[in-house]
Structures are given as structure tokens and as C-alpha cells.
């Protein structure tokens, strides 16, 4: 085990999210424009549909608790 692999406290009431996150944000702010942007589209024949999490039915614009599900186009929900 290397020196950095030794479990030890980061300090009193210190956590990775409070210690490391500001460092990570500072780093990413410097390089964000160099990170390639690409959109991931579903393959042809597959659709992404917003579903009401509690009913499993297709969500409408008033539905609050939703998830996205993938469907083959021949089996789209009503």
C-alpha cells in the first residue's frame, strides 16, 4: 500500500466533498472549454419517453415525479 492509500482523517468535520470538491471545481473551470461536447442520441428505432414514476404510464406536463425509459418504437406506451 502506498502512502496515500492509508486510511486517515481529513481533519475535524472534513469530508471529501468539502475538501476535494472546491479543488475539483477550480480545476474543471480552467479546462471546461477544452472538454469535447457531444450529444448521445438513442439508436434508430429506440425512443426515450418520460414516464410517471408512480403509475408507470406516460407522463404528462403536470406530472412531478418522472423518469425516462427507453422503448422500441413498435412498443411505445399510449
PDB file of N, CA and C in Angstrom:
ATOM      1  N   UNK A   1       0.836  -1.184   0.000  1.00  0.00           N
ATOM      2  CA  UNK A   1       0.000   0.000   0.000  1.00  0.00           C
ATOM      3  C   UNK A   1       0.878   1.244   0.000  1.00  0.00           C
ATOM      4  N   UNK A   2       0.524   2.186  -0.857  1.00  0.00           N
ATOM      5  CA  UNK A   2       1.268   3.430  -0.892  1.00  0.00           C
ATOM      6  C   UNK A   2       0.886   4.355   0.247  1.00  0.00           C
ATOM      7  N   UNK A   3       1.645   5.426   0.404  1.00  0.00           N
ATOM      8  CA  UNK A   3       1.397   6.378   1.478  1.00  0.00           C
ATOM      9  C   UNK A   3      -0.007   6.957   1.399  1.00  0.00           C
ATOM     10  N   UNK A   4      -0.494   7.235   0.180  1.00  0.00           N
ATOM     11  CA  UNK A   4      -1.816   7.847   0.026  1.00  0.00           C
ATOM     12  C   UNK A   4      -2.951   6.844   0.190  1.00  0.00           C
ATOM     13  N   UNK A   5      -2.628   5.539   0.272  1.00  0.00           N
ATOM     14  CA  UNK A   5      -3.646   4.516   0.447  1.00  0.00           C
ATOM     15  C   UNK A   5      -3.951   4.242   1.915  1.00  0.00           C
ATOM     16  N   UNK A   6      -3.301   4.932   2.806  1.00  0.00           N
ATOM     17  CA  UNK A   6      -3.505   4.710   4.230  1.00  0.00           C
ATOM     18  C   UNK A   6      -4.740   5.478   4.696  1.00  0.00           C
ATOM     19  N   UNK A   7      -5.738   4.771   5.249  1.00  0.00           N
ATOM     20  CA  UNK A   7      -6.921   5.477   5.749  1.00  0.00           C
ATOM     21  C   UNK A   7      -6.542   6.409   6.890  1.00  0.00           C
ATOM     22  N   UNK A   8      -6.931   7.656   6.769  1.00  0.00           N
ATOM     23  CA  UNK A   8      -6.731   8.603   7.867  1.00  0.00           C
ATOM     24  C   UNK A   8      -7.704   9.752   7.716  1.00  0.00           C
ATOM     25  N   UNK A   9      -7.940  10.432   8.783  1.00  0.00           N
ATOM     26  CA  UNK A   9      -8.894  11.533   8.807  1.00  0.00           C
ATOM     27  C   UNK A   9      -8.389  12.703   7.973  1.00  0.00           C
ATOM     28  N   UNK A  10      -9.339  13.388   7.311  1.00  0.00           N
ATOM     29  CA  UNK A  10      -9.005  14.615   6.590  1.00  0.00           C
ATOM     30  C   UNK A  10      -8.953  15.809   7.532  1.00  0.00           C
ATOM     31  N   UNK A  11      -9.442  15.620   8.731  1.00  0.00           N
ATOM     32  CA  UNK A  11      -9.486  16.695   9.716  1.00  0.00           C
ATOM     33  C   UNK A  11     -10.822  16.685  10.420  1.00  0.00           C
ATOM     34  N   UNK A  12     -10.944  17.467  11.439  1.00  0.00           N
ATOM     35  CA  UNK A  12     -12.174  17.553  12.209  1.00  0.00           C
ATOM     36  C   UNK A  12     -13.305  18.087  11.336  1.00  0.00           C
ATOM     37  N   UNK A  13     -14.350  17.301  11.179  1.00  0.00           N
ATOM     38  CA  UNK A  13     -15.532  17.671  10.394  1.00  0.00           C
ATOM     39  C   UNK A  13     -15.193  17.990   8.931  1.00  0.00           C
ATOM     40  N   UNK A  14     -14.175  17.335   8.396  1.00  0.00           N
ATOM     41  CA  UNK A  14     -13.795  17.496   6.991  1.00  0.00           C
ATOM     42  C   UNK A  14     -14.183  16.239   6.227  1.00  0.00           C
ATOM     43  N   UNK A  15     -14.696  16.419   5.027  1.00  0.00           N
ATOM     44  CA  UNK A  15     -15.129  15.326   4.181  1.00  0.00           C
ATOM     45  C   UNK A  15     -14.593  15.566   2.773  1.00  0.00           C
ATOM     46  N   UNK A  16     -14.540  14.505   1.977  1.00  0.00           N
ATOM     47  CA  UNK A  16     -14.072  14.650   0.603  1.00  0.00           C
ATOM     48  C   UNK A  16     -14.859  15.692  -0.169  1.00  0.00           C
ATOM     49  N   UNK A  17     -16.170  15.755   0.091  1.00  0.00           N
ATOM     50  CA  UNK A  17     -16.996  16.714  -0.635  1.00  0.00           C
ATOM     51  C   UNK A  17     -16.697  18.153  -0.235  1.00  0.00           C
ATOM     52  N   UNK A  18     -16.277  18.381   0.992  1.00  0.00           N
ATOM     53  CA  UNK A  18     -15.996  19.755   1.409  1.00  0.00           C
ATOM     54  C   UNK A  18     -14.536  20.146   1.183  1.00  0.00           C
ATOM     55  N   UNK A  19     -13.643  19.150   1.102  1.00  0.00           N
ATOM     56  CA  UNK A  19     -12.227  19.437   0.908  1.00  0.00           C
ATOM     57  C   UNK A  19     -11.851  19.317  -0.576  1.00  0.00           C
ATOM     58  N   UNK A  20     -12.228  18.200  -1.206  1.00  0.00           N
ATOM     59  CA  UNK A  20     -11.804  17.939  -2.581  1.00  0.00           C
ATOM     60  C   UNK A  20     -12.659  18.665  -3.617  1.00  0.00           C
ATOM     61  N   UNK A  21     -13.945  18.847  -3.357  1.00  0.00           N
ATOM     62  CA  UNK A  21     -14.822  19.454  -4.353  1.00  0.00           C
ATOM     63  C   UNK A  21     -14.370  20.842  -4.789  1.00  0.00           C
ATOM     64  N   UNK A  22     -14.012  21.743  -3.890  1.00  0.00           N
ATOM     65  CA  UNK A  22     -13.546  23.056  -4.354  1.00  0.00           C
ATOM     66  C   UNK A  22     -12.299  22.957  -5.239  1.00  0.00           C
ATOM     67  N   UNK A  23     -11.420  22.029  -4.952  1.00  0.00           N
ATOM     68  CA  UNK A  23     -10.220  21.843  -5.783  1.00  0.00           C
ATOM     69  C   UNK A  23     -10.638  21.352  -7.163  1.00  0.00           C
ATOM     70  N   UNK A  24     -11.535  20.363  -7.215  1.00  0.00           N
ATOM     71  CA  UNK A  24     -12.010  19.822  -8.491  1.00  0.00           C
ATOM     72  C   UNK A  24     -12.725  20.899  -9.310  1.00  0.00           C
ATOM     73  N   UNK A  25     -13.570  21.696  -8.678  1.00  0.00           N
ATOM     74  CA  UNK A  25     -14.285  22.757  -9.396  1.00  0.00           C
ATOM     75  C   UNK A  25     -13.318  23.790  -9.954  1.00  0.00           C
ATOM     76  N   UNK A  26     -12.307  24.132  -9.192  1.00  0.00           N
ATOM     77  CA  UNK A  26     -11.301  25.081  -9.664  1.00  0.00           C
ATOM     78  C   UNK A  26     -10.569  24.529 -10.880  1.00  0.00           C
ATOM     79  N   UNK A  27     -10.218  23.253 -10.829  1.00  0.00           N
ATOM     80  CA  UNK A  27      -9.535  22.605 -11.943  1.00  0.00           C
ATOM     81  C   UNK A  27     -10.422  22.558 -13.184  1.00  0.00           C
ATOM     82  N   UNK A  28     -11.678  22.114 -13.015  1.00  0.00           N
ATOM     83  CA  UNK A  28     -12.549  21.979 -14.184  1.00  0.00           C
ATOM     84  C   UNK A  28     -12.916  23.327 -14.784  1.00  0.00           C
ATOM     85  N   UNK A  29     -12.963  24.374 -13.971  1.00  0.00           N
ATOM     86  CA  UNK A  29     -13.267  25.701 -14.504  1.00  0.00           C
ATOM     87  C   UNK A  29     -12.187  26.131 -15.505  1.00  0.00           C
ATOM     88  N   UNK A  30     -10.962  25.714 -15.253  1.00  0.00           N
ATOM     89  CA  UNK A  30      -9.849  26.074 -16.135  1.00  0.00           C
ATOM     90  C   UNK A  30      -9.896  25.325 -17.467  1.00  0.00           C
ATOM     91  N   UNK A  31     -10.430  24.094 -17.481  1.00  0.00           N
ATOM     92  CA  UNK A  31     -10.367  23.266 -18.692  1.00  0.00           C
ATOM     93  C   UNK A  31     -11.717  23.011 -19.350  1.00  0.00           C
ATOM     94  N   UNK A  32     -12.796  23.549 -18.828  1.00  0.00           N
ATOM     95  CA  UNK A  32     -14.138  23.211 -19.306  1.00  0.00           C
ATOM     96  C   UNK A  32     -14.312  23.469 -20.806  1.00  0.00           C
ATOM     97  N   UNK A  33     -13.684  24.500 -21.328  1.00  0.00           N
ATOM     98  CA  UNK A  33     -13.830  24.802 -22.752  1.00  0.00           C
ATOM     99  C   UNK A  33     -13.082  23.817 -23.642  1.00  0.00           C
ATOM    100  N   UNK A  34     -12.168  23.038 -23.079  1.00  0.00           N
ATOM    101  CA  UNK A  34     -11.415  22.056 -23.861  1.00  0.00           C
ATOM    102  C   UNK A  34     -12.032  20.668 -23.822  1.00  0.00           C
ATOM    103  N   UNK A  35     -13.063  20.483 -23.003  1.00  0.00           N
ATOM    104  CA  UNK A  35     -13.730  19.186 -22.923  1.00  0.00           C
ATOM    105  C   UNK A  35     -14.681  19.071 -24.107  1.00  0.00           C
ATOM    106  N   UNK A  36     -14.534  18.023 -24.929  1.00  0.00           N
ATOM    107  CA  UNK A  36     -15.414  17.897 -26.096  1.00  0.00           C
ATOM    108  C   UNK A  36     -16.871  17.719 -25.681  1.00  0.00           C
ATOM    109  N   UNK A  37     -17.726  18.394 -26.412  1.00  0.00           N
ATOM    110  CA  UNK A  37     -19.158  18.288 -26.154  1.00  0.00           C
ATOM    111  C   UNK A  37     -19.755  17.409 -27.241  1.00  0.00           C
ATOM    112  N   UNK A  38     -20.500  16.413 -26.830  1.00  0.00           N
ATOM    113  CA  UNK A  38     -21.181  15.578 -27.796  1.00  0.00           C
ATOM    114  C   UNK A  38     -22.517  15.174 -27.207  1.00  0.00           C
ATOM    115  N   UNK A  39     -23.472  15.009 -28.071  1.00  0.00           N
ATOM    116  CA  UNK A  39     -24.770  14.558 -27.607  1.00  0.00           C
ATOM    117  C   UNK A  39     -24.894  13.077 -27.924  1.00  0.00           C
ATOM    118  N   UNK A  40     -25.484  12.379 -27.013  1.00  0.00           N
ATOM    119  CA  UNK A  40     -25.680  10.951 -27.192  1.00  0.00           C
ATOM    120  C   UNK A  40     -27.150  10.741 -27.546  1.00  0.00           C
ATOM    121  N   UNK A  41     -27.390  10.281 -28.741  1.00  0.00           N
ATOM    122  CA  UNK A  41     -28.752  10.031 -29.187  1.00  0.00           C
ATOM    123  C   UNK A  41     -29.029   8.535 -29.127  1.00  0.00           C
ATOM    124  N   UNK A  42     -30.290   8.176 -28.846  1.00  0.00           N
ATOM    125  CA  UNK A  42     -30.596   6.747 -28.855  1.00  0.00           C
ATOM    126  C   UNK A  42     -30.473   6.188 -30.269  1.00  0.00           C
ATOM    127  N   UNK A  43     -30.171   4.918 -30.397  1.00  0.00           N
ATOM    128  CA  UNK A  43     -30.071   4.314 -31.720  1.00  0.00           C
ATOM    129  C   UNK A  43     -31.400   4.389 -32.466  1.00  0.00           C
ATOM    130  N   UNK A  44     -31.325   4.297 -33.783  1.00  0.00           N
ATOM    131  CA  UNK A  44     -32.526   4.319 -34.613  1.00  0.00           C
ATOM    132  C   UNK A  44     -33.462   3.191 -34.182  1.00  0.00           C
ATOM    133  N   UNK A  45     -34.763   3.512 -34.085  1.00  0.00           N
ATOM    134  CA  UNK A  45     -35.754   2.522 -33.672  1.00  0.00           C
ATOM    135  C   UNK A  45     -36.022   2.510 -32.183  1.00  0.00           C
ATOM    136  N   UNK A  46     -35.315   3.341 -31.438  1.00  0.00           N
ATOM    137  CA  UNK A  46     -35.474   3.414 -29.989  1.00  0.00           C
ATOM    138  C   UNK A  46     -35.906   4.824 -29.620  1.00  0.00           C
ATOM    139  N   UNK A  47     -36.902   4.942 -28.754  1.00  0.00           N
ATOM    140  CA  UNK A  47     -37.391   6.246 -28.311  1.00  0.00           C
ATOM    141  C   UNK A  47     -37.259   6.377 -26.805  1.00  0.00           C
ATOM    142  N   UNK A  48     -37.015   7.596 -26.356  1.00  0.00           N
ATOM    143  CA  UNK A  48     -36.942   7.888 -24.923  1.00  0.00           C
ATOM    144  C   UNK A  48     -38.245   8.583 -24.539  1.00  0.00           C
ATOM    145  N   UNK A  49     -38.967   8.016 -23.586  1.00  0.00           N
ATOM    146  CA  UNK A  49     -40.278   8.524 -23.179  1.00  0.00           C
ATOM    147  C   UNK A  49     -40.250   8.851 -21.693  1.00  0.00           C
ATOM    148  N   UNK A  50     -40.858   9.999 -21.334  1.00  0.00           N
ATOM    149  CA  UNK A  50     -40.965  10.389 -19.924  1.00  0.00           C
ATOM    150  C   UNK A  50     -42.151   9.640 -19.310  1.00  0.00           C
ATOM    151  N   UNK A  51     -41.882   8.941 -18.206  1.00  0.00           N
ATOM    152  CA  UNK A  51     -42.860   8.069 -17.558  1.00  0.00           C
ATOM    153  C   UNK A  51     -43.142   8.559 -16.141  1.00  0.00           C
ATOM    154  N   UNK A  52     -44.428   8.480 -15.749  1.00  0.00           N
ATOM    155  CA  UNK A  52     -44.827   8.782 -14.369  1.00  0.00           C
ATOM    156  C   UNK A  52     -44.283   7.663 -13.485  1.00  0.00           C
ATOM    157  N   UNK A  53     -43.424   8.022 -12.556  1.00  0.00           N
ATOM    158  CA  UNK A  53     -42.742   7.035 -11.718  1.00  0.00           C
ATOM    159  C   UNK A  53     -43.712   6.222 -10.862  1.00  0.00           C
ATOM    160  N   UNK A  54     -44.813   6.824 -10.415  1.00  0.00           N
ATOM    161  CA  UNK A  54     -45.728   6.117  -9.514  1.00  0.00           C
ATOM    162  C   UNK A  54     -46.699   5.205 -10.253  1.00  0.00           C
ATOM    163  N   UNK A  55     -47.066   5.545 -11.504  1.00  0.00           N
ATOM    164  CA  UNK A  55     -48.053   4.735 -12.220  1.00  0.00           C
ATOM    165  C   UNK A  55     -47.433   3.860 -13.309  1.00  0.00           C
ATOM    166  N   UNK A  56     -46.260   4.228 -13.793  1.00  0.00           N
ATOM    167  CA  UNK A  56     -45.655   3.506 -14.898  1.00  0.00           C
ATOM    168  C   UNK A  56     -46.231   3.889 -16.250  1.00  0.00           C
ATOM    169  N   UNK A  57     -47.160   4.851 -16.264  1.00  0.00           N
ATOM    170  CA  UNK A  57     -47.784   5.318 -17.506  1.00  0.00           C
ATOM    171  C   UNK A  57     -46.994   6.497 -18.064  1.00  0.00           C
ATOM    172  N   UNK A  58     -47.276   6.845 -19.321  1.00  0.00           N
ATOM    173  CA  UNK A  58     -46.642   8.004 -19.938  1.00  0.00           C
ATOM    174  C   UNK A  58     -46.993   9.247 -19.126  1.00  0.00           C
ATOM    175  N   UNK A  59     -46.007  10.063 -18.837  1.00  0.00           N
ATOM    176  CA  UNK A  59     -46.211  11.278 -18.032  1.00  0.00           C
ATOM    177  C   UNK A  59     -46.788  12.385 -18.906  1.00  0.00           C
ATOM    178  N   UNK A  60     -47.520  13.283 -18.282  1.00  0.00           N
ATOM    179  CA  UNK A  60     -47.968  14.484 -18.989  1.00  0.00           C
ATOM    180  C   UNK A  60     -47.234  15.687 -18.410  1.00  0.00           C
ATOM    181  N   UNK A  61     -47.573  16.879 -18.871  1.00  0.00           N
ATOM    182  CA  UNK A  61     -46.834  18.078 -18.448  1.00  0.00           C
ATOM    183  C   UNK A  61     -47.019  18.414 -16.972  1.00  0.00           C
ATOM    184  N   UNK A  62     -48.055  17.862 -16.322  1.00  0.00           N
ATOM    185  CA  UNK A  62     -48.299  18.143 -14.906  1.00  0.00           C
ATOM    186  C   UNK A  62     -47.638  17.124 -13.977  1.00  0.00           C
ATOM    187  N   UNK A  63     -47.112  16.050 -14.518  1.00  0.00           N
ATOM    188  CA  UNK A  63     -46.515  15.003 -13.689  1.00  0.00           C
ATOM    189  C   UNK A  63     -45.232  15.514 -13.049  1.00  0.00           C
ATOM    190  N   UNK A  64     -45.119  15.323 -11.739  1.00  0.00           N
ATOM    191  CA  UNK A  64     -43.972  15.830 -10.987  1.00  0.00           C
ATOM    192  C   UNK A  64     -42.828  14.826 -10.897  1.00  0.00           C
ATOM    193  N   UNK A  65     -43.134  13.571 -10.560  1.00  0.00           N
ATOM    194  CA  UNK A  65     -42.112  12.555 -10.295  1.00  0.00           C
ATOM    195  C   UNK A  65     -41.981  11.657 -11.520  1.00  0.00           C
ATOM    196  N   UNK A  66     -40.982  11.938 -12.361  1.00  0.00           N
ATOM    197  CA  UNK A  66     -40.855  11.224 -13.629  1.00  0.00           C
ATOM    198  C   UNK A  66     -39.484  10.579 -13.784  1.00  0.00           C
ATOM    199  N   UNK A  67     -39.433   9.619 -14.680  1.00  0.00           N
ATOM    200  CA  UNK A  67     -38.183   9.001 -15.099  1.00  0.00           C
ATOM    201  C   UNK A  67     -38.234   8.867 -16.617  1.00  0.00           C
ATOM    202  N   UNK A  68     -37.106   8.659 -17.236  1.00  0.00           N
ATOM    203  CA  UNK A  68     -37.060   8.413 -18.669  1.00  0.00           C
ATOM    204  C   UNK A  68     -36.822   6.929 -18.884  1.00  0.00           C
ATOM    205  N   UNK A  69     -37.592   6.359 -19.801  1.00  0.00           N
ATOM    206  CA  UNK A  69     -37.456   4.951 -20.158  1.00  0.00           C
ATOM    207  C   UNK A  69     -37.247   4.843 -21.658  1.00  0.00           C
ATOM    208  N   UNK A  70     -36.577   3.789 -22.079  1.00  0.00           N
ATOM    209  CA  UNK A  70     -36.318   3.530 -23.490  1.00  0.00           C
ATOM    210  C   UNK A  70     -37.297   2.476 -23.996  1.00  0.00           C
ATOM    211  N   UNK A  71     -37.873   2.737 -25.177  1.00  0.00           N
ATOM    212  CA  UNK A  71     -38.829   1.821 -25.785  1.00  0.00           C
ATOM    213  C   UNK A  71     -38.486   1.609 -27.246  1.00  0.00           C
ATOM    214  N   UNK A  72     -38.688   0.385 -27.709  1.00  0.00           N
ATOM    215  CA  UNK A  72     -38.665   0.158 -29.142  1.00  0.00           C
ATOM    216  C   UNK A  72     -39.868   0.881 -29.730  1.00  0.00           C
ATOM    217  N   UNK A  73     -39.704   1.497 -30.885  1.00  0.00           N
ATOM    218  CA  UNK A  73     -40.774   2.316 -31.448  1.00  0.00           C
ATOM    219  C   UNK A  73     -42.053   1.530 -31.691  1.00  0.00           C
ATOM    220  N   UNK A  74     -41.955   0.230 -31.933  1.00  0.00           N
ATOM    221  CA  UNK A  74     -43.181  -0.548 -32.154  1.00  0.00           C
ATOM    222  C   UNK A  74     -43.911  -0.859 -30.853  1.00  0.00           C
ATOM    223  N   UNK A  75     -43.322  -0.552 -29.698  1.00  0.00           N
ATOM    224  CA  UNK A  75     -43.946  -0.821 -28.402  1.00  0.00           C
ATOM    225  C   UNK A  75     -44.086   0.426 -27.540  1.00  0.00           C
ATOM    226  N   UNK A  76     -44.257   1.586 -28.150  1.00  0.00           N
ATOM    227  CA  UNK A  76     -44.415   2.823 -27.389  1.00  0.00           C
ATOM    228  C   UNK A  76     -45.689   2.798 -26.547  1.00  0.00           C
ATOM    229  N   UNK A  77     -45.638   3.281 -25.301  1.00  0.00           N
ATOM    230  CA  UNK A  77     -46.851   3.325 -24.482  1.00  0.00           C
ATOM    231  C   UNK A  77     -47.804   4.416 -24.994  1.00  0.00           C
ATOM    232  N   UNK A  78     -49.090   4.247 -24.680  1.00  0.00           N
ATOM    233  CA  UNK A  78     -50.094   5.239 -25.103  1.00  0.00           C
ATOM    234  C   UNK A  78     -49.971   6.514 -24.328  1.00  0.00           C
TER     235      UNK A  78
END
